[in-house]
Amino acid sequence: TGRLSPAAVRRFAEILGCPSEDDEWIAEYQDICQFEGWDAQLGPDLSQFAIFVTKPGSIGHCDDHELREVLTDLQKQAQAEADAAAAERAHEKAQALRNAL
């Protein structure tokens, strides 16, 4: 869609150690949106997010090393989610076979 959803921004923030409690995150996200000029419902577009993470002094600023760490964490999370989904599908297939017999 060319935008990061509020959930995707939250995931990024949590990797960087920002608040993970719902109330704290909602307030933090609203503040970021207001400060950065983002639409809180849609989240930042890709260029807005790129500025957010590369602008020195920004609360979301990351150097290259930090961005690589974020990418590694996201890849690990995505793999774990894919593995869990595959295991669930295998379990459902096995259950369907047992029920068919």
Protein backbone atom coordinates (compact mmCIF):
# COMPACT_ATOMS: atom_id res chain seq x y z
CA THR A 1 0.00 0.00 0.00
CA GLY A 2 3.01 2.27 0.21
CA ARG A 3 2.42 2.82 3.91
CA LEU A 4 3.41 1.21 7.17
CA SER A 5 0.35 0.30 9.19
CA PRO A 6 0.18 1.47 12.79
CA ALA A 7 0.78 -2.19 13.75
CA ALA A 8 3.96 -2.29 11.65
CA VAL A 9 5.21 0.92 13.26
CA ARG A 10 4.48 -0.60 16.67
CA ARG A 11 6.42 -3.73 15.77
CA PHE A 12 9.39 -1.58 14.73
CA ALA A 13 9.15 0.45 17.94
CA GLU A 14 8.99 -2.63 20.14
CA ILE A 15 12.15 -4.01 18.56
CA LEU A 16 13.83 -0.72 19.49
CA GLY A 17 12.56 -1.03 23.07
CA CYS A 18 9.65 1.40 23.02
CA PRO A 19 6.64 0.82 25.28
CA SER A 20 4.73 -2.34 24.55
CA GLU A 21 1.78 -1.75 26.87
CA ASP A 22 -1.26 -0.75 24.84
CA ASP A 23 -2.00 2.52 26.67
CA GLU A 24 1.62 3.64 26.59
CA TRP A 25 2.00 2.75 22.93
CA ILE A 26 -1.20 4.53 21.86
CA ALA A 27 -0.03 7.74 23.53
CA GLU A 28 3.49 7.39 22.10
CA TYR A 29 2.17 6.66 18.59
CA GLN A 30 -0.19 9.65 18.69
CA ASP A 31 2.69 11.90 19.76
CA ILE A 32 4.93 10.58 16.98
CA CYS A 33 2.19 11.05 14.38
CA GLN A 34 1.53 14.59 15.50
CA PHE A 35 5.22 15.51 15.61
CA GLU A 36 6.07 13.84 12.29
CA GLY A 37 2.89 14.95 10.48
CA TRP A 38 1.64 11.39 9.86
CA ASP A 39 -1.96 10.30 9.46
CA ALA A 40 -2.47 8.23 12.62
CA GLN A 41 -5.10 6.02 10.99
CA LEU A 42 -3.03 5.14 7.93
CA GLY A 43 0.48 5.29 9.34
CA PRO A 44 3.45 6.89 7.59
CA ASP A 45 4.11 6.48 3.91
CA LEU A 46 7.43 4.92 2.99
CA SER A 47 9.23 8.23 2.47
CA GLN A 48 7.96 9.58 5.80
CA PHE A 49 9.17 6.45 7.56
CA ALA A 50 12.55 6.59 5.82
CA ILE A 51 12.99 10.15 7.07
CA PHE A 52 11.88 9.07 10.56
CA VAL A 53 14.59 6.42 10.82
CA THR A 54 17.39 8.36 9.13
CA LYS A 55 16.90 11.87 10.52
CA PRO A 56 19.46 12.55 13.27
CA GLY A 57 17.70 13.48 16.49
CA SER A 58 14.49 11.68 15.52
CA ILE A 59 13.07 9.36 18.15
CA GLY A 60 13.13 6.65 15.47
CA HIS A 61 16.67 7.36 14.24
CA CYS A 62 18.74 4.24 13.63
CA ASP A 63 22.26 3.88 12.34
CA ASP A 64 23.09 1.19 9.79
CA HIS A 65 23.99 -1.33 12.50
CA GLU A 66 20.68 -0.81 14.32
CA LEU A 67 18.72 -1.11 11.07
CA ARG A 68 20.48 -4.41 10.32
CA GLU A 69 19.54 -5.64 13.81
CA VAL A 70 15.91 -4.62 13.24
CA LEU A 71 15.92 -6.41 9.89
CA THR A 72 17.40 -9.54 11.48
CA ASP A 73 14.77 -9.48 14.24
CA LEU A 74 11.96 -9.02 11.72
CA GLN A 75 13.28 -11.87 9.59
CA LYS A 76 13.44 -14.14 12.65
CA GLN A 77 9.89 -13.19 13.63
CA ALA A 78 8.63 -13.78 10.09
CA GLN A 79 10.32 -17.20 9.96
CA ALA A 80 8.89 -18.17 13.34
CA GLU A 81 5.41 -17.11 12.19
CA ALA A 82 5.81 -19.05 8.93
CA ASP A 83 7.01 -22.13 10.83
CA ALA A 84 4.06 -21.92 13.22
CA ALA A 85 1.63 -21.57 10.33
CA ALA A 86 3.18 -24.55 8.53
CA ALA A 87 2.98 -26.66 11.70
CA GLU A 88 -0.67 -25.69 12.14
CA ARG A 89 -1.46 -26.67 8.53
CA ALA A 90 0.33 -30.01 8.98
CA HIS A 91 -1.62 -30.63 12.19
CA GLU A 92 -4.91 -29.82 10.44
CA LYS A 93 -4.08 -32.18 7.55
CA ALA A 94 -3.17 -34.97 9.96
CA GLN A 95 -6.41 -34.41 11.88
CA ALA A 96 -8.41 -34.47 8.63
CA LEU A 97 -6.75 -37.76 7.64
CA ARG A 98 -7.49 -39.29 11.05
CA ASN A 99 -11.11 -38.17 10.78
CA ALA A 100 -11.38 -39.64 7.27
CA LEU A 101 -10.15 -43.04 8.45
